[in-house]
Amino acid sequence: MTAAVRRLVAGLASDALPAYVYDLTALRVHAAAVRAALPERAELYYAAKANPEPEILAALADLVDGYEVSSGGELAHVHQVLPQAALAFGGPGKTPAETALALRIGVGRWHLESEQELRRLAALLAGMPGRTVDVLLRLNLPAGSEALGPVALTMGGRPTPFGLDPDQAERCLRLLAAPGFEQLRLRGVHAHLASGLDAPAQLAVTERIVRRAVELAERHAFELTEVNAGGGMAVDYADPARRFDWKAFGAGLAELLERVPGLRLRIEPGRALTAYCGYYATEVLDVKQSYGQDVAVLRGGTHHLRTPATRGHDQPFTVVPVTDWPHPWARPAVTTGRATLAGQLCTPKDVLAHQAAVTVLRAADRVMFELAGAYAWNISHHDFLMHPRPAFHFLAPGELDV
């Protein structure tokens, strides 16, 4: 946390909390380092679902090659913020209206997830003589979890709405070569098989995807020019200082690309790009003892920052002490050296950290939850209990200590 972020939070009035604070310089420094670690034939797309705030999208504009969108709403939003941005359109539930919108906007890459999507797109294009689109077939391949160890989320090799099972992919490849599908130009494959992977595991998954893509291209005699290996790079909420090794991953990609001349490889991280730039700042309303444990009740809660509840982890945080206590009664404070940090909701699941170690934590102190730049506000159940929404602060490049 920079001094400017800390000063901003310390200076906010109580009723200006909770608030999200985004360090856009930190975001750009990190994204530039990721970009520099990748080899020449590797493209970097940002998965907009991780955090679609316009300021975040714009801060990344000159550091990424494009944006991955997974709904008509995301498609329209990103296109409005950045009309010239390259877009890849994925997601397993594309409606006819969304497909038509993507055609009007001129999406550059389509990730097709089923035979019906393929047929629907071909049928729409039939009414647009001379129009062609570039497509990737999304594959539902085994992730190789036995070699990867425990991961946060496995999305391949099991029943899922995502992508095509191997036999379905074979059928779609034959279909793409048949009359009536000439307006769909097959460029390669897409696969996002697991999330929460470290660099060696992510590289192993990418190699698996490329190997299968090469096999399919040889068997069906199409020119393989692109492989999209998705995202899934790990963010460690238990140890924020432990980062995905982008340099090692980039070096591994360079070696992989040397073995497949002419191939362009695309990755589309979301969380691993923006998580580190965001903070959820709030205030301790009360500290109480409950069955021998300290519980700190905060403004806001998981209806603003749902990630720890959904993923089952403690959100890392920093305490920003406040010295002023204007009341005549004793200031409630943690007495055991540990506290559960809970929100205001009427549910026992509204917990941001369980029995976390704290040196000092008192009513009116500020708490800064870290790693809140991705899958935070935008996936939360905002209207439950109808508490006020948080404020948003974007510290622009040039305003921060780096």
Protein backbone atom coordinates (compact mmCIF):
# COMPACT_ATOMS: atom_id res chain seq x y z
CA MET A 1 0.00 0.00 0.00
CA THR A 2 1.42 3.36 -1.00
CA ALA A 3 1.48 6.42 1.25
CA ALA A 4 -1.01 8.18 -1.05
CA VAL A 5 -3.53 5.35 -0.68
CA ARG A 6 -3.10 5.35 3.10
CA ARG A 7 -3.50 9.15 3.28
CA LEU A 8 -6.65 9.08 1.19
CA VAL A 9 -8.29 6.45 3.38
CA ALA A 10 -7.20 8.09 6.64
CA GLY A 11 -8.70 11.39 5.47
CA LEU A 12 -12.14 10.05 4.55
CA ALA A 13 -15.04 10.85 6.84
CA SER A 14 -16.83 7.91 8.46
CA ASP A 15 -19.90 8.35 6.28
CA ALA A 16 -17.65 8.25 3.19
CA LEU A 17 -16.86 4.61 4.01
CA PRO A 18 -16.81 1.91 2.82
CA ALA A 19 -14.87 2.84 -0.29
CA TYR A 20 -12.99 1.12 -3.05
CA VAL A 21 -9.59 2.60 -3.83
CA TYR A 22 -7.75 1.66 -7.02
CA ASP A 23 -4.05 2.34 -7.47
CA LEU A 24 -3.84 2.81 -11.24
CA THR A 25 -0.08 3.34 -11.26
CA ALA A 26 0.43 0.02 -9.50
CA LEU A 27 -1.90 -1.58 -12.04
CA ARG A 28 0.05 -0.20 -14.98
CA VAL A 29 3.43 -1.11 -13.51
CA HIS A 30 2.27 -4.67 -12.93
CA ALA A 31 0.63 -5.03 -16.35
CA ALA A 32 3.74 -3.65 -18.06
CA ALA A 33 5.88 -6.24 -16.27
CA VAL A 34 3.52 -9.02 -17.40
CA ARG A 35 3.61 -7.71 -20.95
CA ALA A 36 7.43 -7.55 -20.93
CA ALA A 37 7.70 -11.15 -19.70
CA LEU A 38 5.75 -12.59 -22.64
CA PRO A 39 7.43 -13.60 -25.92
CA GLU A 40 6.73 -11.85 -29.20
CA ARG A 41 4.11 -14.30 -30.49
CA ALA A 42 2.13 -14.29 -27.24
CA GLU A 43 -0.82 -11.90 -26.97
CA LEU A 44 -2.19 -10.54 -23.71
CA TYR A 45 -5.95 -10.03 -23.43
CA TYR A 46 -7.66 -8.82 -20.25
CA ALA A 47 -10.70 -10.78 -19.05
CA ALA A 48 -13.09 -7.90 -18.41
CA LYS A 49 -15.25 -9.98 -16.06
CA ALA A 50 -12.57 -9.62 -13.36
CA ASN A 51 -13.18 -5.87 -13.04
CA PRO A 52 -14.98 -3.90 -15.77
CA GLU A 53 -14.70 -0.43 -14.21
CA PRO A 54 -14.09 2.02 -17.09
CA GLU A 55 -11.02 3.47 -15.39
CA ILE A 56 -9.49 -0.01 -15.07
CA LEU A 57 -10.19 -0.83 -18.72
CA ALA A 58 -8.70 2.47 -19.87
CA ALA A 59 -5.60 2.13 -17.69
CA LEU A 60 -4.80 -1.16 -19.44
CA ALA A 61 -5.54 0.01 -22.98
CA ASP A 62 -1.96 0.46 -24.21
CA LEU A 63 -0.62 -2.55 -22.28
CA VAL A 64 -2.92 -5.32 -23.52
CA ASP A 65 -3.68 -6.56 -27.01
CA GLY A 66 -7.41 -6.75 -26.40
CA TYR A 67 -10.24 -7.67 -24.05
CA GLU A 68 -12.14 -10.91 -23.50
CA VAL A 69 -15.87 -10.41 -22.93
CA SER A 70 -18.41 -13.06 -21.95
CA SER A 71 -21.83 -11.43 -22.40
CA GLY A 72 -23.62 -8.90 -24.52
CA GLY A 73 -23.52 -6.50 -21.59
CA GLU A 74 -19.74 -6.76 -21.25
CA LEU A 75 -19.40 -6.51 -25.02
CA ALA A 76 -21.41 -3.29 -25.22
CA HIS A 77 -19.72 -1.84 -22.12
CA VAL A 78 -16.12 -2.42 -23.22
CA HIS A 79 -16.90 -1.26 -26.74
CA GLN A 80 -18.41 1.96 -25.38
CA VAL A 81 -15.40 2.65 -23.14
CA LEU A 82 -12.82 1.68 -25.78
CA PRO A 83 -14.43 1.70 -29.25
CA GLN A 84 -11.22 0.67 -31.03
CA ALA A 85 -10.28 -2.18 -28.70
CA ALA A 86 -9.88 -5.70 -30.07
CA LEU A 87 -12.47 -8.03 -28.56
CA ALA A 88 -12.78 -11.79 -28.12
CA PHE A 89 -16.33 -12.96 -27.39
CA GLY A 90 -16.74 -16.09 -25.25
CA GLY A 91 -19.14 -17.58 -22.75
CA PRO A 92 -21.43 -20.62 -22.94
CA GLY A 93 -24.78 -18.82 -23.07
CA LYS A 94 -24.68 -16.47 -26.07
CA THR A 95 -28.22 -15.40 -26.92
CA PRO A 96 -29.34 -14.66 -30.49
CA ALA A 97 -29.50 -10.96 -29.61
CA GLU A 98 -25.95 -10.99 -28.21
CA THR A 99 -24.69 -12.82 -31.29
CA ALA A 100 -26.31 -10.22 -33.55
CA LEU A 101 -24.82 -7.40 -31.43
CA ALA A 102 -21.34 -8.90 -31.71
CA LEU A 103 -21.72 -9.07 -35.48
CA ARG A 104 -22.79 -5.41 -35.62
CA ILE A 105 -19.86 -4.31 -33.45
CA GLY A 106 -17.42 -6.42 -35.46
CA VAL A 107 -15.92 -8.70 -32.79
CA GLY A 108 -12.50 -9.91 -33.89
CA ARG A 109 -12.53 -13.39 -32.34
CA TRP A 110 -15.38 -15.72 -31.47
CA HIS A 111 -14.99 -18.55 -28.97
CA LEU A 112 -17.65 -21.06 -30.00
CA GLU A 113 -18.77 -23.34 -27.18
CA SER A 114 -21.33 -25.65 -28.81
CA GLU A 115 -22.57 -26.95 -32.13
CA GLN A 116 -25.69 -24.79 -31.82
CA GLU A 117 -23.56 -21.65 -31.43
CA LEU A 118 -21.67 -22.62 -34.55
CA ARG A 119 -24.86 -23.23 -36.52
CA ARG A 120 -26.54 -20.05 -35.25
CA LEU A 121 -23.59 -17.91 -36.26
CA ALA A 122 -23.40 -19.53 -39.69
CA ALA A 123 -27.14 -18.96 -40.19
CA LEU A 124 -26.87 -15.26 -39.33
CA LEU A 125 -23.89 -14.83 -41.62
CA ALA A 126 -25.78 -16.46 -44.49
CA GLY A 127 -27.84 -13.28 -44.63
CA MET A 128 -24.65 -11.16 -44.87
CA PRO A 129 -23.05 -12.05 -48.21
CA GLY A 130 -19.31 -11.49 -48.24
CA ARG A 131 -19.05 -11.22 -44.44
CA THR A 132 -16.68 -13.62 -42.62
CA VAL A 133 -15.71 -14.03 -38.98
CA ASP A 134 -12.71 -15.67 -37.28
CA VAL A 135 -13.59 -18.42 -34.81
CA LEU A 136 -11.88 -20.59 -32.23
CA LEU A 137 -13.51 -23.78 -30.95
CA ARG A 138 -13.49 -23.94 -27.17
CA LEU A 139 -12.40 -27.38 -26.00
CA ASN A 140 -13.39 -29.13 -22.78
CA LEU A 141 -10.20 -31.14 -22.27
CA PRO A 142 -8.98 -32.96 -19.17
CA ALA A 143 -6.97 -30.45 -17.15
CA GLY A 144 -4.46 -33.05 -15.99
CA SER A 145 -5.35 -32.34 -12.36
CA GLU A 146 -3.50 -35.43 -11.20
CA ALA A 147 -0.25 -33.68 -12.14
CA LEU A 148 -1.27 -30.19 -11.07
CA GLY A 149 -2.19 -30.84 -7.45
CA PRO A 150 -5.01 -28.89 -5.75
CA VAL A 151 -6.29 -25.90 -7.72
CA ALA A 152 -8.90 -23.27 -6.91
CA LEU A 153 -11.23 -24.25 -9.75
CA THR A 154 -11.19 -27.01 -12.36
CA MET A 155 -13.23 -26.26 -15.48
CA GLY A 156 -12.09 -28.99 -17.88
CA GLY A 157 -12.42 -32.75 -18.16
CA ARG A 158 -15.78 -32.99 -16.37
CA PRO A 159 -19.47 -32.26 -17.08
CA THR A 160 -19.68 -28.50 -17.58
CA PRO A 161 -21.40 -25.90 -19.77
CA PHE A 162 -18.00 -24.74 -21.01
CA GLY A 163 -16.71 -25.79 -24.40
CA LEU A 164 -16.85 -28.96 -26.48
CA ASP A 165 -16.02 -32.47 -25.33
CA PRO A 166 -13.41 -34.13 -27.59
CA ASP A 167 -15.98 -36.05 -29.68
CA GLN A 168 -18.13 -32.92 -30.08
CA ALA A 169 -15.08 -30.96 -31.22
CA GLU A 170 -14.39 -33.58 -33.88
CA ARG A 171 -17.96 -33.26 -35.16
CA CYS A 172 -17.77 -29.44 -35.25
CA LEU A 173 -14.48 -29.55 -37.13
CA ARG A 174 -16.07 -31.73 -39.79
CA LEU A 175 -19.03 -29.36 -39.92
CA LEU A 176 -16.77 -26.33 -40.44
CA ALA A 177 -15.32 -28.02 -43.51
CA ALA A 178 -18.79 -28.68 -44.97
CA PRO A 179 -20.72 -26.51 -47.46
CA GLY A 180 -22.65 -23.69 -45.82
CA PHE A 181 -20.00 -22.80 -43.26
CA GLU A 182 -17.52 -20.99 -45.51
CA GLN A 183 -18.13 -17.66 -43.75
CA LEU A 184 -16.67 -19.05 -40.50
CA ARG A 185 -12.87 -19.00 -40.71
CA LEU A 186 -11.42 -21.49 -38.26
CA ARG A 187 -8.25 -20.08 -36.70
CA GLY A 188 -7.63 -22.56 -33.90
CA VAL A 189 -8.83 -23.50 -30.44
CA HIS A 190 -9.55 -21.98 -27.05
CA ALA A 191 -9.40 -23.78 -23.70
CA HIS A 192 -9.58 -22.54 -20.13
CA LEU A 193 -9.20 -25.64 -18.01
CA ALA A 194 -8.35 -24.55 -14.45
CA SER A 195 -7.82 -21.52 -12.23
CA GLY A 196 -5.44 -20.89 -9.34
CA LEU A 197 -2.37 -22.33 -11.09
CA ASP A 198 1.25 -21.42 -10.42
CA ALA A 199 3.61 -20.83 -13.36
CA PRO A 200 4.82 -24.46 -13.83
CA ALA A 201 1.26 -25.80 -13.69
CA GLN A 202 -0.05 -23.08 -16.01
CA LEU A 203 2.71 -23.87 -18.48
CA ALA A 204 1.90 -27.59 -18.33
CA VAL A 205 -1.78 -26.87 -19.05
CA THR A 206 -0.85 -24.57 -21.95
CA GLU A 207 1.42 -27.23 -23.44
CA ARG A 208 -1.43 -29.75 -23.18
CA ILE A 209 -3.79 -27.38 -25.02
CA VAL A 210 -1.28 -26.62 -27.78
CA ARG A 211 -0.47 -30.29 -28.24
CA ARG A 212 -4.14 -31.16 -28.68
CA ALA A 213 -4.64 -28.22 -31.08
CA VAL A 214 -1.74 -29.41 -33.26
CA GLU A 215 -3.17 -32.95 -33.32
CA LEU A 216 -6.59 -31.66 -34.38
CA ALA A 217 -5.12 -29.45 -37.10
CA GLU A 218 -3.14 -32.34 -38.55
CA ARG A 219 -6.09 -34.73 -38.44
CA HIS A 220 -8.60 -32.31 -39.98
CA ALA A 221 -6.16 -30.56 -42.33
CA PHE A 222 -6.80 -26.96 -41.26
CA GLU A 223 -4.21 -24.24 -40.78
CA LEU A 224 -3.63 -23.71 -37.07
CA THR A 225 -2.72 -20.07 -36.50
CA GLU A 226 -4.01 -19.34 -32.97
CA VAL A 227 -4.40 -20.99 -29.59
CA ASN A 228 -6.04 -19.22 -26.66
CA ALA A 229 -5.00 -20.88 -23.38
CA GLY A 230 -7.27 -18.75 -21.19
CA GLY A 231 -6.36 -17.37 -17.78
CA GLY A 232 -6.28 -18.94 -14.33
CA MET A 233 -2.95 -17.59 -13.06
CA ALA A 234 -2.89 -17.88 -9.27
CA VAL A 235 -3.44 -15.05 -6.80
CA ASP A 236 -2.52 -16.15 -3.27
CA TYR A 237 -4.90 -14.54 -0.76
CA ALA A 238 -3.09 -16.19 2.14
CA ASP A 239 0.26 -14.70 1.09
CA PRO A 240 -0.22 -11.55 -1.05
CA ALA A 241 3.54 -11.18 -1.53
CA ARG A 242 3.67 -14.53 -3.33
CA ARG A 243 3.08 -13.75 -6.98
CA PHE A 244 2.71 -15.73 -10.17
CA ASP A 245 6.16 -16.06 -11.80
CA TRP A 246 5.51 -14.28 -15.08
CA LYS A 247 9.17 -14.37 -16.16
CA ALA A 248 9.38 -18.14 -15.83
CA PHE A 249 6.01 -18.55 -17.55
CA GLY A 250 7.07 -16.27 -20.40
CA ALA A 251 10.33 -18.16 -20.87
CA GLY A 252 8.38 -21.43 -21.02
CA LEU A 253 6.00 -19.98 -23.61
CA ALA A 254 8.94 -18.87 -25.73
CA GLU A 255 10.30 -22.42 -25.78
CA LEU A 256 6.86 -23.80 -26.60
CA LEU A 257 6.36 -21.38 -29.49
CA GLU A 258 9.74 -22.29 -30.96
CA ARG A 259 8.40 -25.83 -31.40
CA VAL A 260 5.28 -24.64 -33.28
CA PRO A 261 6.36 -22.18 -36.00
CA GLY A 262 3.76 -19.64 -37.05
CA LEU A 263 1.50 -20.17 -34.05
CA ARG A 264 0.17 -17.17 -32.15
CA LEU A 265 -0.62 -17.92 -28.50
CA ARG A 266 -3.10 -15.82 -26.53
CA ILE A 267 -3.70 -15.67 -22.77
CA GLU A 268 -6.50 -13.79 -21.03
CA PRO A 269 -5.83 -13.27 -17.32
CA GLY A 270 -8.23 -11.22 -15.24
CA ARG A 271 -7.68 -11.63 -11.49
CA ALA A 272 -3.90 -11.94 -11.90
CA LEU A 273 -3.75 -8.52 -13.60
CA THR A 274 -6.01 -6.36 -11.43
CA ALA A 275 -6.36 -7.99 -7.99
CA TYR A 276 -3.29 -6.24 -6.57
CA CYS A 277 -4.34 -2.69 -7.47
CA GLY A 278 -7.57 -2.56 -5.45
CA TYR A 279 -8.45 -2.00 -1.79
CA TYR A 280 -11.74 -2.14 0.06
CA ALA A 281 -11.53 0.44 2.84
CA THR A 282 -13.91 0.46 5.76
CA GLU A 283 -14.28 1.32 9.45
CA VAL A 284 -14.67 -0.69 12.63
CA LEU A 285 -18.10 0.08 14.07
CA ASP A 286 -17.83 -2.10 17.17
CA VAL A 287 -15.70 -4.75 18.85
CA LYS A 288 -17.46 -7.30 21.02
CA GLN A 289 -16.57 -10.49 22.83
CA SER A 290 -18.57 -13.57 21.90
CA TYR A 291 -17.99 -16.94 23.58
CA GLY A 292 -14.40 -16.02 24.37
CA GLN A 293 -13.55 -14.61 20.94
CA ASP A 294 -13.27 -11.04 19.66
CA VAL A 295 -15.56 -10.01 16.81
CA ALA A 296 -15.06 -6.70 15.00
CA VAL A 297 -18.17 -5.44 13.22
CA LEU A 298 -17.37 -3.35 10.15
CA ARG A 299 -19.24 -0.96 7.91
CA GLY A 300 -20.18 -2.84 4.75
CA GLY A 301 -19.30 -6.50 4.37
CA THR A 302 -19.56 -9.33 1.89
CA HIS A 303 -22.37 -7.60 -0.03
CA HIS A 304 -19.58 -5.27 -1.18
CA LEU A 305 -16.71 -7.77 -1.19
CA ARG A 306 -18.10 -11.25 -1.73
CA THR A 307 -14.88 -13.00 -2.75
CA PRO A 308 -13.82 -14.38 0.66
CA ALA A 309 -17.26 -15.84 1.29
CA THR A 310 -17.49 -17.52 -2.12
CA ARG A 311 -13.90 -18.83 -2.17
CA GLY A 312 -13.73 -19.70 1.52
CA HIS A 313 -10.63 -17.70 2.35
CA ASP A 314 -9.70 -14.81 4.63
CA GLN A 315 -9.22 -11.50 2.83
CA PRO A 316 -5.81 -10.02 3.72
CA PHE A 317 -5.99 -6.63 5.38
CA THR A 318 -4.05 -3.80 6.97
CA VAL A 319 -5.25 -1.78 9.95
CA VAL A 320 -4.98 2.01 9.68
CA PRO A 321 -5.21 3.24 13.30
CA VAL A 322 -7.34 6.26 14.19
CA THR A 323 -6.35 8.05 17.40
CA ASP A 324 -9.44 10.19 17.89
CA TRP A 325 -12.13 8.75 20.19
CA PRO A 326 -14.67 11.49 21.04
CA HIS A 327 -17.00 9.47 23.28
CA PRO A 328 -17.05 9.38 27.11
CA TRP A 329 -17.27 5.57 27.32
CA ALA A 330 -14.40 3.13 26.95
CA ARG A 331 -13.33 2.42 23.40
CA PRO A 332 -14.16 -1.17 22.36
CA ALA A 333 -11.00 -3.02 21.37
CA VAL A 334 -9.66 -6.47 20.59
CA THR A 335 -8.34 -8.10 23.78
CA THR A 336 -7.18 -11.55 22.61
CA GLY A 337 -4.79 -10.69 19.77
CA ARG A 338 -7.19 -12.25 17.27
CA ALA A 339 -10.47 -11.12 15.77
CA THR A 340 -13.14 -12.19 13.32
CA LEU A 341 -13.87 -9.30 10.95
CA ALA A 342 -17.58 -9.38 10.13
CA GLY A 343 -19.90 -7.11 8.18
CA GLN A 344 -23.34 -5.67 8.87
CA LEU A 345 -25.46 -8.35 7.20
CA CYS A 346 -27.92 -10.55 9.07
CA THR A 347 -26.16 -13.78 8.17
CA PRO A 348 -23.27 -15.66 9.82
CA LYS A 349 -21.66 -15.94 6.39
CA ASP A 350 -20.89 -12.21 6.34
CA VAL A 351 -17.27 -12.65 7.39
CA LEU A 352 -14.22 -11.17 5.66
CA ALA A 353 -11.57 -12.76 7.91
CA HIS A 354 -11.83 -15.43 10.60
CA GLN A 355 -9.86 -15.07 13.86
CA ALA A 356 -7.09 -13.12 12.15
CA ALA A 357 -4.04 -12.03 14.13
CA VAL A 358 -4.19 -8.32 15.01
CA THR A 359 -1.91 -6.26 17.23
CA VAL A 360 -4.39 -3.43 17.76
CA LEU A 361 -7.95 -3.14 16.46
CA ARG A 362 -10.47 -0.74 17.99
CA ALA A 363 -13.78 0.87 17.16
CA ALA A 364 -13.24 3.75 14.67
CA ASP A 365 -10.01 2.28 13.27
CA ARG A 366 -9.87 1.89 9.49
CA VAL A 367 -9.33 -1.48 7.80
CA MET A 368 -7.91 -1.80 4.30
CA PHE A 369 -8.71 -5.12 2.64
CA GLU A 370 -6.11 -5.91 0.00
CA LEU A 371 -6.32 -7.90 -3.26
CA ALA A 372 -9.72 -6.29 -3.91
CA GLY A 373 -9.07 -5.26 -7.51
CA ALA A 374 -10.77 -8.29 -9.09
CA TYR A 375 -13.99 -10.23 -8.54
CA ALA A 376 -14.95 -7.97 -5.67
CA TRP A 377 -17.63 -5.32 -6.04
CA ASN A 378 -18.77 -6.56 -9.45
CA ILE A 379 -19.73 -10.07 -8.23
CA SER A 380 -21.28 -9.04 -4.91
CA HIS A 381 -24.96 -9.11 -3.88
CA HIS A 382 -25.19 -5.34 -3.53
CA ASP A 383 -28.82 -4.85 -2.55
CA PHE A 384 -29.15 -7.33 0.30
CA LEU A 385 -30.31 -5.30 3.35
CA MET A 386 -30.08 -2.13 1.20
CA HIS A 387 -26.99 -0.65 2.83
CA PRO A 388 -25.39 2.34 1.08
CA ARG A 389 -23.09 1.50 -1.80
CA PRO A 390 -19.36 2.19 -1.40
CA ALA A 391 -17.60 5.17 -2.91
CA PHE A 392 -15.00 4.64 -5.64
CA HIS A 393 -11.64 6.40 -5.84
CA PHE A 394 -9.19 6.02 -8.72
CA LEU A 395 -5.71 7.38 -8.03
CA ALA A 396 -4.42 8.22 -11.48
CA PRO A 397 -0.86 7.66 -12.68
CA GLY A 398 1.43 10.37 -11.36
CA GLU A 399 -0.43 10.73 -8.05
CA LEU A 400 1.13 7.73 -6.32
CA ASP A 401 4.41 6.82 -4.66
CA VAL A 402 5.99 3.89 -6.52
